[in-house]
PDB file of N, CA and C in Angstrom:
ATOM      1  N   MET A   1     -32.227   4.410  -2.296  1.00  0.00           N
ATOM      2  CA  MET A   1     -32.645   4.832  -0.978  1.00  0.00           C
ATOM      3  C   MET A   1     -31.653   4.301   0.053  1.00  0.00           C
ATOM      4  N   THR A   2     -31.505   5.081   1.093  1.00  0.00           N
ATOM      5  CA  THR A   2     -30.601   4.687   2.167  1.00  0.00           C
ATOM      6  C   THR A   2     -31.367   4.639   3.483  1.00  0.00           C
ATOM      7  N   GLU A   3     -30.765   4.019   4.467  1.00  0.00           N
ATOM      8  CA  GLU A   3     -31.459   3.744   5.719  1.00  0.00           C
ATOM      9  C   GLU A   3     -30.882   4.571   6.860  1.00  0.00           C
ATOM     10  N   CYS A   4     -31.749   5.149   7.661  1.00  0.00           N
ATOM     11  CA  CYS A   4     -31.358   5.897   8.852  1.00  0.00           C
ATOM     12  C   CYS A   4     -30.839   4.915   9.899  1.00  0.00           C
ATOM     13  N   THR A   5     -29.702   5.253  10.512  1.00  0.00           N
ATOM     14  CA  THR A   5     -29.126   4.342  11.507  1.00  0.00           C
ATOM     15  C   THR A   5     -29.874   4.381  12.841  1.00  0.00           C
ATOM     16  N   VAL A   6     -30.697   5.379  13.058  1.00  0.00           N
ATOM     17  CA  VAL A   6     -31.435   5.482  14.320  1.00  0.00           C
ATOM     18  C   VAL A   6     -32.789   4.774  14.226  1.00  0.00           C
ATOM     19  N   CYS A   7     -33.608   5.165  13.241  1.00  0.00           N
ATOM     20  CA  CYS A   7     -34.966   4.621  13.174  1.00  0.00           C
ATOM     21  C   CYS A   7     -35.139   3.546  12.102  1.00  0.00           C
ATOM     22  N   GLY A   8     -34.189   3.418  11.185  1.00  0.00           N
ATOM     23  CA  GLY A   8     -34.279   2.409  10.139  1.00  0.00           C
ATOM     24  C   GLY A   8     -35.125   2.821   8.954  1.00  0.00           C
ATOM     25  N   ARG A   9     -35.607   4.057   8.941  1.00  0.00           N
ATOM     26  CA  ARG A   9     -36.459   4.554   7.866  1.00  0.00           C
ATOM     27  C   ARG A   9     -35.647   4.670   6.570  1.00  0.00           C
ATOM     28  N   ASN A  10     -36.239   4.233   5.444  1.00  0.00           N
ATOM     29  CA  ASN A  10     -35.620   4.422   4.134  1.00  0.00           C
ATOM     30  C   ASN A  10     -35.913   5.833   3.657  1.00  0.00           C
ATOM     31  N   THR A  11     -34.878   6.538   3.237  1.00  0.00           N
ATOM     32  CA  THR A  11     -35.033   7.931   2.834  1.00  0.00           C
ATOM     33  C   THR A  11     -34.060   8.266   1.715  1.00  0.00           C
ATOM     34  N   ASP A  12     -34.406   9.307   0.956  1.00  0.00           N
ATOM     35  CA  ASP A  12     -33.514   9.769  -0.113  1.00  0.00           C
ATOM     36  C   ASP A  12     -32.444  10.704   0.428  1.00  0.00           C
ATOM     37  N   LYS A  13     -32.706  11.320   1.583  1.00  0.00           N
ATOM     38  CA  LYS A  13     -31.757  12.270   2.173  1.00  0.00           C
ATOM     39  C   LYS A  13     -31.279  11.767   3.522  1.00  0.00           C
ATOM     40  N   LEU A  14     -29.976  11.683   3.668  1.00  0.00           N
ATOM     41  CA  LEU A  14     -29.387  11.360   4.958  1.00  0.00           C
ATOM     42  C   LEU A  14     -28.487  12.510   5.373  1.00  0.00           C
ATOM     43  N   PHE A  15     -28.345  12.655   6.671  1.00  0.00           N
ATOM     44  CA  PHE A  15     -27.508  13.715   7.215  1.00  0.00           C
ATOM     45  C   PHE A  15     -26.494  13.109   8.172  1.00  0.00           C
ATOM     46  N   LEU A  16     -25.312  13.702   8.201  1.00  0.00           N
ATOM     47  CA  LEU A  16     -24.322  13.335   9.202  1.00  0.00           C
ATOM     48  C   LEU A  16     -24.637  14.200  10.408  1.00  0.00           C
ATOM     49  N   ALA A  17     -24.894  13.551  11.533  1.00  0.00           N
ATOM     50  CA  ALA A  17     -25.282  14.289  12.729  1.00  0.00           C
ATOM     51  C   ALA A  17     -24.480  13.798  13.920  1.00  0.00           C
ATOM     52  N   GLU A  18     -24.311  14.707  14.882  1.00  0.00           N
ATOM     53  CA  GLU A  18     -23.670  14.341  16.137  1.00  0.00           C
ATOM     54  C   GLU A  18     -24.782  14.142  17.155  1.00  0.00           C
ATOM     55  N   VAL A  19     -24.950  12.882  17.566  1.00  0.00           N
ATOM     56  CA  VAL A  19     -25.986  12.540  18.533  1.00  0.00           C
ATOM     57  C   VAL A  19     -25.292  11.917  19.732  1.00  0.00           C
ATOM     58  N   GLU A  20     -25.381  12.572  20.870  1.00  0.00           N
ATOM     59  CA  GLU A  20     -24.757  12.126  22.116  1.00  0.00           C
ATOM     60  C   GLU A  20     -23.271  11.819  21.927  1.00  0.00           C
ATOM     61  N   GLY A  21     -22.594  12.657  21.158  1.00  0.00           N
ATOM     62  CA  GLY A  21     -21.145  12.538  20.970  1.00  0.00           C
ATOM     63  C   GLY A  21     -20.714  11.624  19.843  1.00  0.00           C
ATOM     64  N   ALA A  22     -21.647  10.916  19.218  1.00  0.00           N
ATOM     65  CA  ALA A  22     -21.307  10.007  18.120  1.00  0.00           C
ATOM     66  C   ALA A  22     -21.743  10.611  16.794  1.00  0.00           C
ATOM     67  N   HIS A  23     -20.929  10.440  15.767  1.00  0.00           N
ATOM     68  CA  HIS A  23     -21.280  10.904  14.427  1.00  0.00           C
ATOM     69  C   HIS A  23     -21.956   9.744  13.703  1.00  0.00           C
ATOM     70  N   ILE A  24     -23.230   9.939  13.323  1.00  0.00           N
ATOM     71  CA  ILE A  24     -23.994   8.880  12.668  1.00  0.00           C
ATOM     72  C   ILE A  24     -24.794   9.460  11.514  1.00  0.00           C
ATOM     73  N   GLU A  25     -25.232   8.564  10.609  1.00  0.00           N
ATOM     74  CA  GLU A  25     -26.055   8.963   9.475  1.00  0.00           C
ATOM     75  C   GLU A  25     -27.520   8.822   9.872  1.00  0.00           C
ATOM     76  N   VAL A  26     -28.248   9.942   9.810  1.00  0.00           N
ATOM     77  CA  VAL A  26     -29.643   9.949  10.254  1.00  0.00           C
ATOM     78  C   VAL A  26     -30.539  10.608   9.219  1.00  0.00           C
ATOM     79  N   CYS A  27     -31.845  10.309   9.331  1.00  0.00           N
ATOM     80  CA  CYS A  27     -32.819  10.983   8.476  1.00  0.00           C
ATOM     81  C   CYS A  27     -33.085  12.379   9.053  1.00  0.00           C
ATOM     82  N   GLU A  28     -33.873  13.145   8.341  1.00  0.00           N
ATOM     83  CA  GLU A  28     -34.143  14.522   8.774  1.00  0.00           C
ATOM     84  C   GLU A  28     -34.866  14.560  10.123  1.00  0.00           C
ATOM     85  N   VAL A  29     -35.770  13.625  10.356  1.00  0.00           N
ATOM     86  CA  VAL A  29     -36.526  13.578  11.611  1.00  0.00           C
ATOM     87  C   VAL A  29     -35.600  13.258  12.779  1.00  0.00           C
ATOM     88  N   CYS A  30     -34.750  12.242  12.621  1.00  0.00           N
ATOM     89  CA  CYS A  30     -33.848  11.836  13.702  1.00  0.00           C
ATOM     90  C   CYS A  30     -32.715  12.833  13.900  1.00  0.00           C
ATOM     91  N   GLY A  31     -32.503  13.699  12.939  1.00  0.00           N
ATOM     92  CA  GLY A  31     -31.499  14.748  13.083  1.00  0.00           C
ATOM     93  C   GLY A  31     -31.836  15.690  14.224  1.00  0.00           C
ATOM     94  N   ASN A  32     -33.105  15.732  14.633  1.00  0.00           N
ATOM     95  CA  ASN A  32     -33.529  16.579  15.747  1.00  0.00           C
ATOM     96  C   ASN A  32     -33.016  16.073  17.089  1.00  0.00           C
ATOM     97  N   PHE A  33     -32.551  14.816  17.148  1.00  0.00           N
ATOM     98  CA  PHE A  33     -32.025  14.268  18.398  1.00  0.00           C
ATOM     99  C   PHE A  33     -30.617  14.772  18.697  1.00  0.00           C
ATOM    100  N   GLY A  34     -30.001  15.395  17.718  1.00  0.00           N
ATOM    101  CA  GLY A  34     -28.644  15.897  17.905  1.00  0.00           C
ATOM    102  C   GLY A  34     -28.420  17.111  17.027  1.00  0.00           C
ATOM    103  N   LYS A  35     -27.179  17.310  16.630  1.00  0.00           N
ATOM    104  CA  LYS A  35     -26.821  18.462  15.807  1.00  0.00           C
ATOM    105  C   LYS A  35     -26.448  17.967  14.410  1.00  0.00           C
ATOM    106  N   ILE A  36     -27.179  18.439  13.381  1.00  0.00           N
ATOM    107  CA  ILE A  36     -26.872  18.052  12.007  1.00  0.00           C
ATOM    108  C   ILE A  36     -25.605  18.777  11.573  1.00  0.00           C
ATOM    109  N   ILE A  37     -24.650  18.016  11.078  1.00  0.00           N
ATOM    110  CA  ILE A  37     -23.372  18.579  10.646  1.00  0.00           C
ATOM    111  C   ILE A  37     -23.407  18.903   9.161  1.00  0.00           C
ATOM    112  N   GLU A  38     -23.845  17.927   8.341  1.00  0.00           N
ATOM    113  CA  GLU A  38     -23.933  18.164   6.898  1.00  0.00           C
ATOM    114  C   GLU A  38     -24.842  17.128   6.258  1.00  0.00           C
ATOM    115  N   GLU A  39     -25.306  17.449   5.048  1.00  0.00           N
ATOM    116  CA  GLU A  39     -26.094  16.497   4.277  1.00  0.00           C
ATOM    117  C   GLU A  39     -25.130  15.546   3.572  1.00  0.00           C
ATOM    118  N   ILE A  40     -25.481  14.291   3.564  1.00  0.00           N
ATOM    119  CA  ILE A  40     -24.634  13.287   2.912  1.00  0.00           C
ATOM    120  C   ILE A  40     -25.072  13.153   1.463  1.00  0.00           C
ATOM    121  N   LYS A  41     -24.120  13.326   0.577  1.00  0.00           N
ATOM    122  CA  LYS A  41     -24.396  13.176  -0.853  1.00  0.00           C
ATOM    123  C   LYS A  41     -24.498  11.690  -1.165  1.00  0.00           C
ATOM    124  N   HIS A  42     -25.348  11.364  -2.105  1.00  0.00           N
ATOM    125  CA  HIS A  42     -25.510   9.960  -2.493  1.00  0.00           C
ATOM    126  C   HIS A  42     -24.215   9.439  -3.083  1.00  0.00           C
ATOM    127  N   LYS A  43     -23.806   8.308  -2.571  1.00  0.00           N
ATOM    128  CA  LYS A  43     -22.593   7.660  -3.061  1.00  0.00           C
ATOM    129  C   LYS A  43     -22.988   6.688  -4.165  1.00  0.00           C
ATOM    130  N   PRO A  44     -22.258   6.698  -5.277  1.00  0.00           N
ATOM    131  CA  PRO A  44     -22.591   5.708  -6.307  1.00  0.00           C
ATOM    132  C   PRO A  44     -22.297   4.303  -5.788  1.00  0.00           C
ATOM    133  N   LYS A  45     -23.158   3.384  -6.139  1.00  0.00           N
ATOM    134  CA  LYS A  45     -22.971   2.012  -5.672  1.00  0.00           C
ATOM    135  C   LYS A  45     -21.731   1.416  -6.319  1.00  0.00           C
ATOM    136  N   THR A  46     -20.973   0.732  -5.513  1.00  0.00           N
ATOM    137  CA  THR A  46     -19.775   0.074  -6.004  1.00  0.00           C
ATOM    138  C   THR A  46     -20.171  -1.262  -6.606  1.00  0.00           C
ATOM    139  N   THR A  47     -19.678  -1.506  -7.803  1.00  0.00           N
ATOM    140  CA  THR A  47     -19.943  -2.796  -8.423  1.00  0.00           C
ATOM    141  C   THR A  47     -18.667  -3.620  -8.400  1.00  0.00           C
ATOM    142  N   PHE A  48     -18.842  -4.885  -8.229  1.00  0.00           N
ATOM    143  CA  PHE A  48     -17.707  -5.792  -8.169  1.00  0.00           C
ATOM    144  C   PHE A  48     -17.710  -6.684  -9.401  1.00  0.00           C
ATOM    145  N   VAL A  49     -16.524  -6.912  -9.917  1.00  0.00           N
ATOM    146  CA  VAL A  49     -16.372  -7.802 -11.058  1.00  0.00           C
ATOM    147  C   VAL A  49     -15.907  -9.145 -10.531  1.00  0.00           C
ATOM    148  N   LYS A  50     -16.666 -10.162 -10.811  1.00  0.00           N
ATOM    149  CA  LYS A  50     -16.312 -11.494 -10.336  1.00  0.00           C
ATOM    150  C   LYS A  50     -15.250 -12.066 -11.264  1.00  0.00           C
ATOM    151  N   ARG A  51     -14.131 -12.424 -10.672  1.00  0.00           N
ATOM    152  CA  ARG A  51     -13.047 -13.004 -11.453  1.00  0.00           C
ATOM    153  C   ARG A  51     -13.171 -14.516 -11.425  1.00  0.00           C
ATOM    154  N   GLU A  52     -12.753 -15.109 -12.511  1.00  0.00           N
ATOM    155  CA  GLU A  52     -12.793 -16.566 -12.568  1.00  0.00           C
ATOM    156  C   GLU A  52     -11.661 -17.133 -11.732  1.00  0.00           C
ATOM    157  N   ALA A  53     -11.957 -18.168 -10.997  1.00  0.00           N
ATOM    158  CA  ALA A  53     -10.942 -18.813 -10.165  1.00  0.00           C
ATOM    159  C   ALA A  53      -9.966 -19.560 -11.060  1.00  0.00           C
ATOM    160  N   LYS A  54      -8.694 -19.463 -10.698  1.00  0.00           N
ATOM    161  CA  LYS A  54      -7.682 -20.180 -11.461  1.00  0.00           C
ATOM    162  C   LYS A  54      -7.679 -21.630 -11.018  1.00  0.00           C
ATOM    163  N   SER A  55      -7.569 -22.477 -11.952  1.00  0.00           N
ATOM    164  CA  SER A  55      -7.552 -23.902 -11.660  1.00  0.00           C
ATOM    165  C   SER A  55      -6.128 -24.416 -11.719  1.00  0.00           C
ATOM    166  N   GLU A  56      -5.817 -25.327 -10.808  1.00  0.00           N
ATOM    167  CA  GLU A  56      -4.495 -25.941 -10.836  1.00  0.00           C
ATOM    168  C   GLU A  56      -4.373 -26.897 -12.016  1.00  0.00           C
ATOM    169  N   LEU A  57      -5.479 -27.165 -12.683  1.00  0.00           N
ATOM    170  CA  LEU A  57      -5.455 -28.094 -13.798  1.00  0.00           C
ATOM    171  C   LEU A  57      -5.285 -27.390 -15.141  1.00  0.00           C
ATOM    172  N   GLU A  58      -5.045 -26.073 -15.121  1.00  0.00           N
ATOM    173  CA  GLU A  58      -4.837 -25.347 -16.367  1.00  0.00           C
ATOM    174  C   GLU A  58      -3.613 -25.896 -17.082  1.00  0.00           C
ATOM    175  N   GLU A  59      -3.625 -25.756 -18.375  1.00  0.00           N
ATOM    176  CA  GLU A  59      -2.493 -26.222 -19.160  1.00  0.00           C
ATOM    177  C   GLU A  59      -1.262 -25.397 -18.822  1.00  0.00           C
ATOM    178  N   PRO A  60      -0.133 -26.042 -18.606  1.00  0.00           N
ATOM    179  CA  PRO A  60       1.079 -25.294 -18.301  1.00  0.00           C
ATOM    180  C   PRO A  60       1.558 -24.522 -19.524  1.00  0.00           C
ATOM    181  N   GLU A  61       2.217 -23.386 -19.262  1.00  0.00           N
ATOM    182  CA  GLU A  61       2.729 -22.570 -20.349  1.00  0.00           C
ATOM    183  C   GLU A  61       4.006 -23.166 -20.924  1.00  0.00           C
ATOM    184  N   GLU A  62       4.698 -23.948 -20.149  1.00  0.00           N
ATOM    185  CA  GLU A  62       5.952 -24.535 -20.580  1.00  0.00           C
ATOM    186  C   GLU A  62       5.837 -26.049 -20.553  1.00  0.00           C
ATOM    187  N   ASP A  63       6.723 -26.693 -21.303  1.00  0.00           N
ATOM    188  CA  ASP A  63       6.775 -28.150 -21.269  1.00  0.00           C
ATOM    189  C   ASP A  63       7.711 -28.578 -20.152  1.00  0.00           C
ATOM    190  N   PHE A  64       7.301 -29.575 -19.410  1.00  0.00           N
ATOM    191  CA  PHE A  64       8.112 -30.078 -18.314  1.00  0.00           C
ATOM    192  C   PHE A  64       8.533 -31.505 -18.613  1.00  0.00           C
ATOM    193  N   LYS A  65       9.698 -31.850 -18.118  1.00  0.00           N
ATOM    194  CA  LYS A  65      10.179 -33.221 -18.263  1.00  0.00           C
ATOM    195  C   LYS A  65       9.284 -34.126 -17.428  1.00  0.00           C
ATOM    196  N   PRO A  66       9.139 -35.374 -17.839  1.00  0.00           N
ATOM    197  CA  PRO A  66       8.251 -36.286 -17.099  1.00  0.00           C
ATOM    198  C   PRO A  66       8.646 -36.465 -15.633  1.00  0.00           C
ATOM    199  N   ASN A  67       9.909 -36.289 -15.304  1.00  0.00           N
ATOM    200  CA  ASN A  67      10.369 -36.471 -13.923  1.00  0.00           C
ATOM    201  C   ASN A  67      10.744 -35.137 -13.272  1.00  0.00           C
ATOM    202  N   TYR A  68       9.975 -34.076 -13.583  1.00  0.00           N
ATOM    203  CA  TYR A  68      10.323 -32.747 -13.072  1.00  0.00           C
ATOM    204  C   TYR A  68      10.348 -32.695 -11.550  1.00  0.00           C
ATOM    205  N   GLY A  69       9.512 -33.459 -10.888  1.00  0.00           N
ATOM    206  CA  GLY A  69       9.484 -33.461  -9.422  1.00  0.00           C
ATOM    207  C   GLY A  69      10.799 -33.927  -8.830  1.00  0.00           C
ATOM    208  N   LYS A  70      11.319 -35.014  -9.386  1.00  0.00           N
ATOM    209  CA  LYS A  70      12.587 -35.561  -8.911  1.00  0.00           C
ATOM    210  C   LYS A  70      13.728 -34.572  -9.173  1.00  0.00           C
ATOM    211  N   LEU A  71      13.687 -33.904 -10.323  1.00  0.00           N
ATOM    212  CA  LEU A  71      14.723 -32.918 -10.656  1.00  0.00           C
ATOM    213  C   LEU A  71      14.702 -31.739  -9.681  1.00  0.00           C
ATOM    214  N   ILE A  72      13.509 -31.319  -9.290  1.00  0.00           N
ATOM    215  CA  ILE A  72      13.380 -30.210  -8.336  1.00  0.00           C
ATOM    216  C   ILE A  72      13.929 -30.626  -6.974  1.00  0.00           C
ATOM    217  N   ILE A  73      13.603 -31.836  -6.547  1.00  0.00           N
ATOM    218  CA  ILE A  73      14.109 -32.341  -5.261  1.00  0.00           C
ATOM    219  C   ILE A  73      15.633 -32.384  -5.278  1.00  0.00           C
ATOM    220  N   GLN A  74      16.207 -32.906  -6.361  1.00  0.00           N
ATOM    221  CA  GLN A  74      17.664 -33.006  -6.465  1.00  0.00           C
ATOM    222  C   GLN A  74      18.315 -31.626  -6.443  1.00  0.00           C
ATOM    223  N   ALA A  75      17.730 -30.663  -7.158  1.00  0.00           N
ATOM    224  CA  ALA A  75      18.287 -29.307  -7.191  1.00  0.00           C
ATOM    225  C   ALA A  75      18.210 -28.661  -5.808  1.00  0.00           C
ATOM    226  N   ARG A  76      17.094 -28.862  -5.111  1.00  0.00           N
ATOM    227  CA  ARG A  76      16.929 -28.299  -3.769  1.00  0.00           C
ATOM    228  C   ARG A  76      17.939 -28.912  -2.804  1.00  0.00           C
ATOM    229  N   GLN A  77      18.118 -30.224  -2.883  1.00  0.00           N
ATOM    230  CA  GLN A  77      19.066 -30.902  -2.000  1.00  0.00           C
ATOM    231  C   GLN A  77      20.511 -30.526  -2.338  1.00  0.00           C
ATOM    232  N   LYS A  78      20.777 -30.272  -3.610  1.00  0.00           N
ATOM    233  CA  LYS A  78      22.122 -29.900  -4.049  1.00  0.00           C
ATOM    234  C   LYS A  78      22.566 -28.583  -3.406  1.00  0.00           C
ATOM    235  N   ILE A  79      21.617 -27.655  -3.232  1.00  0.00           N
ATOM    236  CA  ILE A  79      21.975 -26.377  -2.590  1.00  0.00           C
ATOM    237  C   ILE A  79      21.819 -26.451  -1.069  1.00  0.00           C
ATOM    238  N   GLY A  80      21.475 -27.631  -0.569  1.00  0.00           N
ATOM    239  CA  GLY A  80      21.459 -27.869   0.872  1.00  0.00           C
ATOM    240  C   GLY A  80      20.270 -27.300   1.617  1.00  0.00           C
ATOM    241  N   LEU A  81      19.111 -27.262   0.984  1.00  0.00           N
ATOM    242  CA  LEU A  81      17.928 -26.717   1.645  1.00  0.00           C
ATOM    243  C   LEU A  81      16.890 -27.803   1.900  1.00  0.00           C
ATOM    244  N   GLU A  82      16.310 -27.756   3.081  1.00  0.00           N
ATOM    245  CA  GLU A  82      15.159 -28.597   3.384  1.00  0.00           C
ATOM    246  C   GLU A  82      13.956 -27.973   2.682  1.00  0.00           C
ATOM    247  N   ARG A  83      12.887 -28.742   2.531  1.00  0.00           N
ATOM    248  CA  ARG A  83      11.693 -28.243   1.845  1.00  0.00           C
ATOM    249  C   ARG A  83      11.153 -26.982   2.530  1.00  0.00           C
ATOM    250  N   LYS A  84      11.146 -26.974   3.851  1.00  0.00           N
ATOM    251  CA  LYS A  84      10.635 -25.831   4.619  1.00  0.00           C
ATOM    252  C   LYS A  84      11.463 -24.574   4.339  1.00  0.00           C
ATOM    253  N   ASP A  85      12.792 -24.713   4.352  1.00  0.00           N
ATOM    254  CA  ASP A  85      13.675 -23.571   4.105  1.00  0.00           C
ATOM    255  C   ASP A  85      13.555 -23.080   2.667  1.00  0.00           C
ATOM    256  N   PHE A  86      13.427 -24.023   1.743  1.00  0.00           N
ATOM    257  CA  PHE A  86      13.269 -23.678   0.334  1.00  0.00           C
ATOM    258  C   PHE A  86      11.981 -22.885   0.126  1.00  0.00           C
ATOM    259  N   ALA A  87      10.902 -23.336   0.776  1.00  0.00           N
ATOM    260  CA  ALA A  87       9.614 -22.646   0.670  1.00  0.00           C
ATOM    261  C   ALA A  87       9.721 -21.220   1.198  1.00  0.00           C
ATOM    262  N   LEU A  88      10.394 -21.050   2.329  1.00  0.00           N
ATOM    263  CA  LEU A  88      10.577 -19.704   2.884  1.00  0.00           C
ATOM    264  C   LEU A  88      11.384 -18.824   1.937  1.00  0.00           C
ATOM    265  N   LYS A  89      12.407 -19.405   1.340  1.00  0.00           N
ATOM    266  CA  LYS A  89      13.290 -18.644   0.459  1.00  0.00           C
ATOM    267  C   LYS A  89      12.552 -18.127  -0.778  1.00  0.00           C
ATOM    268  N   ILE A  90      11.668 -18.942  -1.331  1.00  0.00           N
ATOM    269  CA  ILE A  90      10.947 -18.505  -2.532  1.00  0.00           C
ATOM    270  C   ILE A  90       9.553 -17.955  -2.208  1.00  0.00           C
ATOM    271  N   LYS A  91       9.270 -17.804  -0.909  1.00  0.00           N
ATOM    272  CA  LYS A  91       8.018 -17.202  -0.429  1.00  0.00           C
ATOM    273  C   LYS A  91       6.781 -17.942  -0.938  1.00  0.00           C
ATOM    274  N   GLU A  92       6.805 -19.252  -0.756  1.00  0.00           N
ATOM    275  CA  GLU A  92       5.666 -20.099  -1.092  1.00  0.00           C
ATOM    276  C   GLU A  92       5.387 -21.019   0.090  1.00  0.00           C
ATOM    277  N   LYS A  93       4.221 -21.635   0.087  1.00  0.00           N
ATOM    278  CA  LYS A  93       3.874 -22.566   1.159  1.00  0.00           C
ATOM    279  C   LYS A  93       4.615 -23.883   0.955  1.00  0.00           C
ATOM    280  N   GLU A  94       4.982 -24.483   2.075  1.00  0.00           N
ATOM    281  CA  GLU A  94       5.680 -25.765   2.020  1.00  0.00           C
ATOM    282  C   GLU A  94       4.804 -26.831   1.364  1.00  0.00           C
ATOM    283  N   SER A  95       3.506 -26.771   1.601  1.00  0.00           N
ATOM    284  CA  SER A  95       2.595 -27.758   1.013  1.00  0.00           C
ATOM    285  C   SER A  95       2.576 -27.662  -0.514  1.00  0.00           C
ATOM    286  N   LEU A  96       2.724 -26.450  -1.041  1.00  0.00           N
ATOM    287  CA  LEU A  96       2.764 -26.272  -2.487  1.00  0.00           C
ATOM    288  C   LEU A  96       4.031 -26.902  -3.063  1.00  0.00           C
ATOM    289  N   ILE A  97       5.165 -26.699  -2.382  1.00  0.00           N
ATOM    290  CA  ILE A  97       6.431 -27.290  -2.819  1.00  0.00           C
ATOM    291  C   ILE A  97       6.307 -28.815  -2.811  1.00  0.00           C
ATOM    292  N   LYS A  98       5.672 -29.345  -1.777  1.00  0.00           N
ATOM    293  CA  LYS A  98       5.492 -30.797  -1.667  1.00  0.00           C
ATOM    294  C   LYS A  98       4.665 -31.332  -2.837  1.00  0.00           C
ATOM    295  N   ARG A  99       3.599 -30.615  -3.200  1.00  0.00           N
ATOM    296  CA  ARG A  99       2.753 -31.062  -4.314  1.00  0.00           C
ATOM    297  C   ARG A  99       3.500 -31.009  -5.642  1.00  0.00           C
ATOM    298  N   VAL A 100       4.326 -29.980  -5.829  1.00  0.00           N
ATOM    299  CA  VAL A 100       5.103 -29.883  -7.071  1.00  0.00           C
ATOM    300  C   VAL A 100       6.137 -30.996  -7.121  1.00  0.00           C
ATOM    301  N   GLU A 101       6.837 -31.214  -6.007  1.00  0.00           N
ATOM    302  CA  GLU A 101       7.869 -32.247  -5.972  1.00  0.00           C
ATOM    303  C   GLU A 101       7.290 -33.651  -6.159  1.00  0.00           C
ATOM    304  N   SER A 102       6.071 -33.863  -5.704  1.00  0.00           N
ATOM    305  CA  SER A 102       5.440 -35.176  -5.872  1.00  0.00           C
ATOM    306  C   SER A 102       4.656 -35.256  -7.184  1.00  0.00           C
ATOM    307  N   GLN A 103       4.756 -34.207  -7.993  1.00  0.00           N
ATOM    308  CA  GLN A 103       4.119 -34.106  -9.307  1.00  0.00           C
ATOM    309  C   GLN A 103       2.598 -34.194  -9.241  1.00  0.00           C
ATOM    310  N   GLN A 104       2.035 -33.767  -8.112  1.00  0.00           N
ATOM    311  CA  GLN A 104       0.584 -33.668  -7.996  1.00  0.00           C
ATOM    312  C   GLN A 104       0.099 -32.350  -8.583  1.00  0.00           C
ATOM    313  N   MET A 105       1.036 -31.438  -8.813  1.00  0.00           N
ATOM    314  CA  MET A 105       0.707 -30.119  -9.343  1.00  0.00           C
ATOM    315  C   MET A 105       1.807 -29.691 -10.299  1.00  0.00           C
ATOM    316  N   ILE A 106       1.408 -29.095 -11.412  1.00  0.00           N
ATOM    317  CA  ILE A 106       2.380 -28.545 -12.349  1.00  0.00           C
ATOM    318  C   ILE A 106       2.579 -27.081 -11.967  1.00  0.00           C
ATOM    319  N   PRO A 107       3.819 -26.649 -11.755  1.00  0.00           N
ATOM    320  CA  PRO A 107       4.050 -25.264 -11.337  1.00  0.00           C
ATOM    321  C   PRO A 107       3.646 -24.273 -12.426  1.00  0.00           C
ATOM    322  N   ASP A 108       3.081 -23.137 -11.993  1.00  0.00           N
ATOM    323  CA  ASP A 108       2.716 -22.101 -12.955  1.00  0.00           C
ATOM    324  C   ASP A 108       3.947 -21.267 -13.315  1.00  0.00           C
ATOM    325  N   ALA A 109       3.770 -20.320 -14.228  1.00  0.00           N
ATOM    326  CA  ALA A 109       4.891 -19.516 -14.716  1.00  0.00           C
ATOM    327  C   ALA A 109       5.547 -18.729 -13.585  1.00  0.00           C
ATOM    328  N   LYS A 110       4.751 -18.222 -12.643  1.00  0.00           N
ATOM    329  CA  LYS A 110       5.292 -17.445 -11.523  1.00  0.00           C
ATOM    330  C   LYS A 110       6.217 -18.301 -10.663  1.00  0.00           C
ATOM    331  N   LEU A 111       5.821 -19.526 -10.426  1.00  0.00           N
ATOM    332  CA  LEU A 111       6.588 -20.412  -9.557  1.00  0.00           C
ATOM    333  C   LEU A 111       7.867 -20.909 -10.224  1.00  0.00           C
ATOM    334  N   THR A 112       7.867 -21.017 -11.533  1.00  0.00           N
ATOM    335  CA  THR A 112       9.045 -21.543 -12.222  1.00  0.00           C
ATOM    336  C   THR A 112      10.180 -20.540 -12.312  1.00  0.00           C
ATOM    337  N   LYS A 113       9.917 -19.286 -12.052  1.00  0.00           N
ATOM    338  CA  LYS A 113      10.973 -18.263 -12.163  1.00  0.00           C
ATOM    339  C   LYS A 113      11.888 -18.243 -10.995  1.00  0.00           C
TER     340      LYS A 113
END
């Protein structure tokens, strides 16, 4: 069942009507307040699939050296980039780069490329 936007009545049939210049969905009774344009066909309800949130604690796909953070910092400094510029270049947040460099987070496969 759907609801009329004018009176709030639950009905099986809704109509698209022009009422005082506005196009609205109305029941058959409220359609008398304006001009009925067409009957609205029932739309199938959209269902949503809940995806599981990815955890930063997932096992990494690759093995990392124990000092990977320091190696990343050295590589970034070697090419002459500040953390902010490096983040912009690889289209990631600066805070994420900081967490990886401080080894608070293990980079995922997307980030390692």
